[in-house]
Protein backbone atom coordinates (compact mmCIF):
# COMPACT_ATOMS: atom_id res chain seq x y z
CA MET A 1 0.53 -57.12 -128.71
CA SER A 2 2.74 -56.69 -125.35
CA THR A 3 4.27 -60.52 -124.54
CA ASN A 4 5.49 -58.96 -121.07
CA ILE A 5 4.04 -61.02 -118.30
CA PHE A 6 4.31 -60.05 -114.75
CA THR A 7 5.77 -62.28 -112.26
CA PRO A 8 7.45 -61.44 -108.96
CA PHE A 9 10.16 -64.09 -109.11
CA THR A 10 13.30 -64.15 -111.04
CA GLU A 11 13.90 -66.18 -113.94
CA GLU A 12 16.76 -67.87 -111.67
CA GLU A 13 13.63 -68.52 -108.83
CA LEU A 14 11.68 -70.14 -111.51
CA MET A 15 14.11 -72.44 -113.07
CA PRO A 16 13.28 -76.15 -111.64
CA LYS A 17 15.47 -77.34 -108.84
CA GLU A 18 16.35 -80.73 -107.39
CA GLU A 19 14.17 -81.84 -104.61
CA LYS A 20 15.45 -81.75 -100.81
CA LEU A 21 14.43 -84.65 -98.69
CA GLU A 22 13.99 -84.27 -95.17
CA VAL A 23 17.00 -85.92 -93.15
CA ILE A 24 16.24 -87.21 -89.88
CA LYS A 25 19.12 -87.32 -87.62
CA LYS A 26 20.05 -89.53 -85.69
CA GLY A 27 22.24 -90.09 -82.36
CA LYS A 28 25.02 -91.56 -82.10
CA GLN A 29 24.50 -95.50 -80.58
CA PHE A 30 26.60 -96.42 -78.00
CA SER A 31 26.98 -99.32 -75.58
CA ILE A 32 25.28 -98.41 -72.06
CA GLY A 33 27.30 -100.58 -68.66
CA ILE A 34 25.03 -101.06 -65.54
CA PRO A 35 27.44 -102.55 -62.82
CA LYS A 36 26.22 -104.14 -59.64
CA GLU A 37 26.82 -101.47 -56.67
CA THR A 38 29.34 -102.44 -54.53
CA CYS A 39 29.17 -99.76 -51.87
CA LEU A 40 27.50 -98.47 -48.82
CA ASN A 41 24.63 -101.52 -48.94
CA GLU A 42 23.43 -99.88 -51.52
CA ARG A 43 19.96 -100.77 -53.14
CA ARG A 44 19.52 -99.02 -55.43
CA THR A 45 20.11 -99.00 -59.64
CA CYS A 46 19.79 -96.61 -61.93
CA ILE A 47 17.50 -98.17 -64.79
CA THR A 48 14.55 -100.21 -64.66
CA PRO A 49 13.66 -103.38 -67.33
CA ASP A 50 10.79 -100.75 -68.90
CA ALA A 51 13.76 -98.56 -69.20
CA VAL A 52 15.88 -100.58 -70.85
CA GLN A 53 13.20 -101.74 -73.51
CA VAL A 54 13.13 -98.60 -75.10
CA LEU A 55 16.77 -97.53 -75.15
CA VAL A 56 17.11 -100.72 -76.79
CA GLU A 57 14.23 -100.50 -79.19
CA HIS A 58 16.46 -96.91 -79.85
CA GLY A 59 19.22 -99.17 -80.94
CA HIS A 60 21.26 -98.85 -77.85
CA GLU A 61 23.08 -102.11 -76.10
CA ILE A 62 22.48 -102.43 -72.68
CA ILE A 63 25.18 -104.11 -70.49
CA VAL A 64 23.85 -105.40 -67.08
CA GLU A 65 26.07 -107.12 -63.98
CA SER A 66 24.09 -109.83 -62.58
CA GLY A 67 22.41 -109.15 -59.62
CA ALA A 68 22.24 -105.28 -60.53
CA GLY A 69 18.72 -105.08 -59.85
CA GLN A 70 18.37 -107.19 -56.96
CA GLY A 71 18.06 -104.69 -54.11
CA SER A 72 15.43 -102.94 -55.96
CA PHE A 73 13.84 -106.28 -56.90
CA PHE A 74 14.08 -106.09 -60.03
CA THR A 75 15.46 -110.13 -61.53
CA ASP A 76 17.98 -110.61 -64.40
CA LEU A 77 15.14 -112.10 -66.09
CA GLN A 78 13.26 -109.31 -65.74
CA TYR A 79 16.27 -107.27 -67.55
CA SER A 80 16.94 -110.04 -70.16
CA GLU A 81 13.42 -109.99 -71.46
CA SER A 82 13.63 -106.25 -71.94
CA GLY A 83 16.59 -107.05 -74.50
CA ALA A 84 19.87 -105.98 -72.16
CA LYS A 85 22.69 -108.53 -72.00
CA ILE A 86 23.44 -109.91 -68.71
CA THR A 87 26.91 -110.59 -67.39
CA ASN A 88 28.47 -112.06 -64.40
CA ASP A 89 31.77 -110.26 -65.31
CA PRO A 90 32.13 -106.70 -64.00
CA LYS A 91 34.78 -105.72 -66.11
CA GLU A 92 32.90 -106.18 -69.47
CA ALA A 93 30.37 -103.90 -67.40
CA PHE A 94 32.64 -101.17 -66.83
CA GLY A 95 33.94 -101.35 -70.36
CA GLN A 96 31.23 -99.88 -72.04
CA ASP A 97 30.85 -96.11 -73.91
CA LEU A 98 29.10 -94.66 -70.94
CA ILE A 99 28.68 -96.32 -67.35
CA LEU A 100 25.39 -95.57 -65.42
CA LYS A 101 26.08 -96.37 -61.02
CA ILE A 102 24.46 -94.71 -58.17
CA ASN A 103 27.47 -94.45 -56.03
CA PRO A 104 31.28 -93.41 -57.78
CA PRO A 105 33.17 -96.20 -58.55
CA THR A 106 35.78 -97.86 -56.30
CA LEU A 107 39.81 -97.95 -57.32
CA ASP A 108 39.70 -101.29 -58.34
CA GLU A 109 36.27 -100.77 -60.34
CA ILE A 110 38.21 -97.48 -62.37
CA ASP A 111 40.66 -100.02 -63.36
CA PHE A 112 38.04 -101.82 -65.49
CA MET A 113 36.93 -98.32 -67.26
CA LYS A 114 38.36 -97.93 -71.25
CA PRO A 115 39.77 -94.61 -71.73
CA ASN A 116 37.37 -91.29 -72.49
CA THR A 117 34.46 -93.39 -71.25
CA TYR A 118 31.58 -91.43 -69.76
CA MET A 119 30.91 -92.26 -66.51
CA VAL A 120 27.34 -90.96 -64.96
CA SER A 121 26.85 -91.21 -60.98
CA ALA A 122 26.75 -89.58 -57.96
CA LEU A 123 30.47 -87.72 -55.91
CA GLN A 124 29.43 -87.74 -52.36
CA ILE A 125 32.33 -85.34 -52.36
CA ASN A 126 32.61 -85.82 -48.27
CA LEU A 127 33.37 -89.13 -48.69
CA ARG A 128 36.17 -89.21 -51.54
CA ASP A 129 39.78 -88.65 -51.28
CA LYS A 130 42.50 -87.19 -53.86
CA GLU A 131 43.63 -90.55 -55.13
CA TYR A 132 39.94 -91.26 -56.36
CA PHE A 133 40.31 -87.80 -58.58
CA LEU A 134 43.75 -88.85 -59.55
CA LYS A 135 42.86 -92.35 -60.64
CA LEU A 136 40.15 -91.09 -62.68
CA ALA A 137 42.40 -88.58 -64.55
CA GLU A 138 45.08 -91.73 -65.21
CA LYS A 139 41.68 -93.44 -67.44
CA LYS A 140 40.90 -89.66 -69.22
CA ILE A 141 37.87 -90.29 -67.93
CA ASN A 142 34.79 -87.83 -68.34
CA ALA A 143 33.26 -87.91 -64.65
CA ILE A 144 29.64 -86.37 -64.41
CA ALA A 145 28.03 -86.01 -61.24
CA PHE A 146 24.08 -86.67 -60.20
CA GLU A 147 25.03 -83.25 -58.06
CA PHE A 148 25.83 -81.53 -60.61
CA ILE A 149 23.55 -82.17 -63.40
CA VAL A 150 21.69 -79.10 -64.57
CA ASP A 151 18.10 -79.06 -66.90
CA GLU A 152 17.24 -76.32 -69.54
CA TYR A 153 15.97 -74.23 -66.28
CA LYS A 154 19.24 -73.96 -65.00
CA GLN A 155 17.53 -76.36 -62.02
CA LEU A 156 19.57 -79.32 -60.44
CA ALA A 157 17.23 -81.84 -61.92
CA LEU A 158 18.62 -85.12 -60.51
CA VAL A 159 19.12 -83.66 -57.07
CA ARG A 160 15.85 -82.56 -56.43
CA LEU A 161 14.43 -85.42 -57.42
CA ILE A 162 16.64 -87.63 -55.16
CA GLY A 163 15.58 -84.60 -52.14
CA GLU A 164 11.79 -84.92 -52.58
CA ILE A 165 12.24 -88.63 -51.53
CA ALA A 166 14.99 -88.16 -49.01
CA GLY A 167 12.85 -85.70 -47.31
CA THR A 168 9.99 -87.96 -47.17
CA VAL A 169 12.04 -90.66 -46.07
CA SER A 170 13.86 -88.80 -43.29
CA ILE A 171 10.89 -88.26 -41.42
CA LEU A 172 9.47 -92.06 -41.83
CA TYR A 173 12.55 -93.10 -40.52
CA ALA A 174 12.67 -91.04 -37.61
CA SER A 175 9.37 -91.99 -36.94
CA GLU A 176 10.23 -95.70 -37.05
CA LEU A 177 13.45 -94.31 -34.59
CA LEU A 178 11.39 -92.20 -32.56
CA ALA A 179 9.33 -95.60 -31.70
CA LEU A 180 12.10 -97.33 -30.84
CA SER A 181 13.66 -95.03 -28.85
CA ASN A 182 10.95 -94.00 -26.35
CA GLY A 183 7.83 -95.43 -27.97
CA LEU A 184 5.96 -91.90 -29.72
CA MET A 185 4.31 -91.66 -32.43
CA LEU A 186 4.83 -88.07 -34.51
CA GLY A 187 1.10 -87.27 -33.64
CA GLY A 188 -2.41 -86.78 -35.04
CA ILE A 189 -3.75 -88.74 -32.00
CA THR A 190 -6.68 -86.94 -30.28
CA GLY A 191 -5.76 -85.57 -26.56
CA VAL A 192 -1.84 -86.42 -27.04
CA ARG A 193 0.67 -84.19 -27.86
CA PRO A 194 2.17 -84.22 -30.96
CA ALA A 195 6.00 -84.57 -31.59
CA GLU A 196 8.28 -81.61 -32.04
CA VAL A 197 9.84 -81.83 -35.62
CA VAL A 198 13.07 -79.54 -35.81
CA ILE A 199 13.82 -79.37 -39.58
CA LEU A 200 17.14 -77.74 -40.52
CA GLY A 201 17.33 -76.17 -44.15
CA ALA A 202 14.11 -75.03 -46.39
CA GLY A 203 15.23 -76.33 -49.90
CA ILE A 204 14.08 -79.38 -51.26
CA VAL A 205 14.77 -81.62 -49.22
CA GLY A 206 13.41 -79.47 -46.17
CA GLU A 207 10.27 -78.77 -48.16
CA PHE A 208 9.18 -82.56 -48.47
CA ALA A 209 10.42 -83.38 -44.95
CA THR A 210 8.30 -80.40 -43.61
CA LYS A 211 4.87 -82.15 -45.67
CA ALA A 212 5.42 -85.24 -44.69
CA ALA A 213 5.82 -84.17 -41.05
CA ILE A 214 2.82 -82.00 -41.09
CA GLY A 215 1.00 -84.98 -42.96
CA LEU A 216 1.79 -87.44 -39.69
CA GLY A 217 0.31 -84.75 -37.65
CA ALA A 218 3.55 -83.37 -35.98
CA SER A 219 4.65 -80.12 -34.87
CA VAL A 220 6.93 -78.17 -36.98
CA LYS A 221 9.57 -75.45 -37.24
CA VAL A 222 12.06 -74.90 -39.98
CA PHE A 223 14.98 -73.16 -39.82
CA ASP A 224 17.29 -71.79 -43.03
CA ASN A 225 19.54 -68.65 -43.09
CA SER A 226 17.61 -67.72 -46.53
CA LEU A 227 14.61 -65.63 -46.48
CA SER A 228 13.54 -66.05 -49.87
CA LYS A 229 13.37 -70.25 -49.21
CA LEU A 230 11.45 -69.83 -46.12
CA ARG A 231 9.05 -67.37 -47.86
CA ARG A 232 8.76 -70.16 -50.28
CA LEU A 233 8.15 -72.69 -47.81
CA HIS A 234 5.69 -70.60 -46.37
CA THR A 235 3.98 -70.84 -49.30
CA MET A 236 4.28 -74.10 -50.11
CA VAL A 237 2.39 -75.03 -46.63
CA ASP A 238 -0.08 -72.81 -46.67
CA SER A 239 1.76 -70.81 -43.49
CA ARG A 240 0.90 -73.56 -41.24
CA VAL A 241 4.46 -74.01 -40.17
CA PRO A 242 6.74 -71.30 -38.15
CA THR A 243 10.06 -70.45 -39.53
CA SER A 244 13.27 -68.74 -38.05
CA VAL A 245 16.65 -67.54 -39.54
CA ILE A 246 19.56 -69.67 -37.92
CA ASP A 247 19.60 -67.78 -34.56
CA PRO A 248 21.55 -69.62 -31.90
CA LYS A 249 19.78 -68.51 -29.11
CA GLU A 250 16.52 -69.26 -31.22
CA LEU A 251 17.75 -72.72 -32.56
CA SER A 252 19.36 -74.11 -28.96
CA LYS A 253 15.46 -73.50 -27.53
CA SER A 254 14.19 -75.01 -30.50
CA LEU A 255 16.35 -77.82 -30.01
CA ARG A 256 15.88 -78.69 -26.66
CA ARG A 257 12.18 -79.19 -26.93
CA ALA A 258 12.65 -81.20 -30.34
CA ASP A 259 11.77 -85.31 -30.49
CA VAL A 260 13.11 -85.22 -34.19
CA VAL A 261 15.76 -83.04 -35.80
CA ILE A 262 16.42 -83.39 -39.32
CA GLY A 263 19.95 -81.72 -41.43
CA ALA A 264 18.86 -80.53 -44.72
CA LEU A 265 21.68 -78.27 -45.49
CA PRO A 266 24.60 -78.92 -47.44
CA ARG A 267 27.78 -77.61 -45.20
CA LEU A 268 30.34 -78.24 -48.05
CA ASN A 269 33.57 -76.99 -46.15
CA MET A 270 31.64 -75.23 -43.39
CA THR A 271 31.39 -75.97 -39.68
CA PRO A 272 28.75 -77.60 -37.92
CA ILE A 273 24.96 -75.52 -37.28
CA VAL A 274 24.20 -77.76 -34.44
CA THR A 275 27.33 -77.85 -31.86
CA GLU A 276 27.65 -80.92 -29.12
CA ASP A 277 26.43 -78.84 -26.56
CA MET A 278 23.39 -78.32 -28.06
CA VAL A 279 23.25 -81.88 -28.40
CA MET A 280 24.01 -82.43 -24.79
CA LYS A 281 21.00 -80.15 -23.96
CA MET A 282 18.42 -82.32 -26.15
CA LYS A 283 15.94 -85.06 -24.82
CA LYS A 284 17.12 -88.38 -24.11
CA GLY A 285 15.78 -90.52 -27.24
CA SER A 286 15.52 -88.22 -29.60
CA VAL A 287 16.23 -88.69 -32.75
CA ILE A 288 18.26 -86.72 -35.41
CA ILE A 289 18.75 -87.35 -39.00
CA ASP A 290 21.86 -85.80 -40.96
CA ILE A 291 20.52 -86.24 -44.69
CA THR A 292 23.34 -84.47 -46.48
CA ILE A 293 26.00 -85.66 -44.35
CA ASP A 294 27.83 -86.76 -47.28
CA ASN A 295 27.97 -83.24 -48.50
CA GLY A 296 29.11 -81.87 -44.88
CA LYS A 297 27.81 -82.24 -41.65
CA VAL A 298 24.89 -80.20 -40.29
CA ILE A 299 25.36 -81.93 -36.86
CA GLU A 300 28.49 -81.81 -35.17
CA THR A 301 28.19 -85.42 -33.37
CA SER A 302 26.36 -87.24 -36.64
CA GLU A 303 28.82 -89.75 -38.67
CA LEU A 304 28.82 -91.37 -41.41
CA THR A 305 26.54 -95.14 -40.74
CA THR A 306 25.84 -97.78 -43.09
CA MET A 307 22.88 -100.10 -43.56
CA GLU A 308 23.90 -102.88 -41.78
CA ASP A 309 24.48 -99.98 -38.66
CA PRO A 310 21.85 -97.15 -39.76
CA TYR A 311 22.27 -95.35 -36.59
CA VAL A 312 24.72 -94.31 -33.39
CA ILE A 313 23.68 -93.32 -29.84
CA LYS A 314 25.89 -90.30 -28.89
CA HIS A 315 24.76 -88.10 -25.44
CA GLY A 316 21.45 -90.43 -25.37
CA VAL A 317 20.18 -89.16 -28.56
CA ILE A 318 20.23 -91.23 -31.80
CA HIS A 319 21.76 -90.16 -35.19
CA CYS A 320 21.68 -91.59 -38.19
CA GLY A 321 23.94 -90.43 -40.54
CA LEU A 322 22.96 -92.40 -43.81
CA PRO A 323 24.63 -91.33 -47.24
CA ASN A 324 22.00 -92.89 -48.84
CA LEU A 325 19.18 -92.93 -47.03
CA THR A 326 16.85 -93.03 -50.18
CA SER A 327 18.12 -96.48 -50.91
CA ARG A 328 15.90 -97.65 -47.68
CA MET A 329 13.22 -97.20 -50.39
CA PRO A 330 15.17 -98.95 -53.24
CA ARG A 331 12.27 -99.35 -55.88
CA THR A 332 10.61 -96.36 -55.77
CA THR A 333 13.91 -94.53 -55.91
CA THR A 334 15.20 -96.55 -58.96
CA LYS A 335 12.06 -95.73 -60.82
CA ALA A 336 12.75 -92.52 -59.99
CA ILE A 337 15.97 -91.99 -61.30
CA SER A 338 15.22 -94.42 -64.08
CA ASN A 339 12.79 -92.02 -65.58
CA PHE A 340 15.00 -89.33 -65.38
CA PHE A 341 17.80 -90.72 -67.21
CA LEU A 342 15.77 -92.62 -69.96
CA SER A 343 14.85 -88.82 -71.30
CA TYR A 344 18.32 -87.94 -70.50
CA ILE A 345 19.67 -90.58 -72.74
CA LEU A 346 17.10 -89.93 -75.25
CA ASN A 347 17.58 -86.42 -75.42
CA TYR A 348 21.29 -86.68 -76.28
CA ASP A 349 20.44 -89.11 -79.08
CA GLU A 350 18.48 -86.12 -80.80
CA GLU A 351 21.13 -83.92 -80.61
CA GLY A 352 23.83 -86.47 -82.20
CA GLY A 353 25.55 -87.74 -78.59
CA PHE A 354 27.39 -86.13 -75.43
CA GLU A 355 30.19 -84.44 -77.53
CA ASN A 356 28.00 -82.57 -79.83
CA MET A 357 26.43 -81.48 -76.56
CA LEU A 358 28.85 -80.71 -75.03
CA ILE A 359 29.29 -78.30 -77.47
CA ARG A 360 25.74 -77.01 -77.82
CA LYS A 361 24.69 -76.81 -74.77
CA ASN A 362 26.43 -74.82 -71.59
CA GLU A 363 24.35 -77.24 -69.17
CA MET A 364 25.72 -80.28 -70.33
CA LYS A 365 29.24 -78.83 -69.73
CA GLN A 366 28.70 -77.86 -65.93
CA SER A 367 27.40 -81.33 -65.55
CA LEU A 368 30.71 -82.59 -65.82
CA TYR A 369 33.87 -82.48 -62.99
CA MET A 370 36.23 -84.16 -65.17
CA TYR A 371 36.96 -83.83 -69.01
CA LYS A 372 39.06 -86.73 -70.53
CA GLY A 373 40.91 -86.65 -67.53
CA ARG A 374 41.19 -82.88 -66.85
CA HIS A 375 39.51 -81.24 -63.60
CA THR A 376 37.01 -78.96 -64.53
CA LYS A 377 35.08 -78.13 -60.99
CA LYS A 378 36.97 -75.17 -58.96
CA ILE A 379 35.17 -76.27 -55.67
CA ILE A 380 36.75 -80.05 -55.74
CA CYS A 381 40.06 -78.78 -57.11
CA ASP A 382 40.14 -76.24 -54.31
CA ARG A 383 39.13 -78.68 -51.65
CA PHE A 384 42.05 -81.80 -52.72
CA GLY A 385 44.72 -79.25 -54.12
CA LEU A 386 43.92 -80.07 -57.61
CA THR A 387 44.77 -78.64 -61.12
CA TYR A 388 41.64 -76.55 -62.09
CA HIS A 389 40.93 -76.39 -66.11
CA ASP A 390 38.12 -74.31 -67.23
CA ILE A 391 35.70 -76.48 -69.43
CA ASN A 392 34.77 -73.59 -71.79
CA LEU A 393 38.14 -73.42 -72.52
CA LEU A 394 38.25 -77.39 -73.11
CA ILE A 395 35.09 -77.49 -74.77
CA PHE A 396 34.23 -74.31 -77.54
């Protein structure tokens, strides 16, 4: 009788082997500093107490400077009860591994930072100077800008989020200013002509400004040089809004009739679209809000303003140039930004920290404008005369 037994396995495969246990990949825990905002009467912050609690449970140490959440109506007690350490010393808040800020740090605040710190903040390039970038380079900082953070779908995730709020807030604030200047409502009253709103830009900010203006009953017209953006907006608002490319003659005609003008087009290193001559022909008491002024003017006569003095009057027209317009709704904006950063940080935890993500994910590299003190954004280097380094040659 044959003793051969058929088996699909080799002798080696049938030998007993050691058991392999699943190893849970843990990210590198790090300390996070939340300094108090000191610029532009800023009232927003990056993290809510609820988000702090989640991060602390994941092993992170959170250092919050006393009063950091006051503008958003969050108390030190709420942060403390969520597990954060409260400090009265800004140097301690800036001395952590990761710093989360709304506005970029001042030159004095950069001195408080440790070398190789990761810093996430807005850049507001129109408000920066060359000294700011040189000072960061001295400290060998890894700097990430809100304006450059890209998600896995190649979308500017945080820009979109803040843009949604900015678009809506711009219309609400324009309504306040219009009532202040000549007593007009935006619209929605039977038998009364609605106010005319002109929106320059059909991106995210323009889209949400359009929706808010329509919701209040205004008559809206949108201008943009991108036909694809105009087509997208047309679809979003059910074709109820007339749109046009930026033709000077057509634009000038619409501006003369406008009660409100919203500038929502970044004009980095570009000339303004609305000239001073166009503004002079506008109705007295009309309102201009230049939302993207921190990335270049859309209206030639607009200028930077502050929360204390939010508008100036030129040629009988109210001009608002707040670079942090969403700070007028600080709690809502803080909650939105906090939701983003909570998932942002936890995602990097799962992948083993920022350094691992820099190697693995191209979108993480694109969010940096400085890596260990080296300038990695060509648009910034060209503007300020800095030496450009390709991020892909620094990290591979």
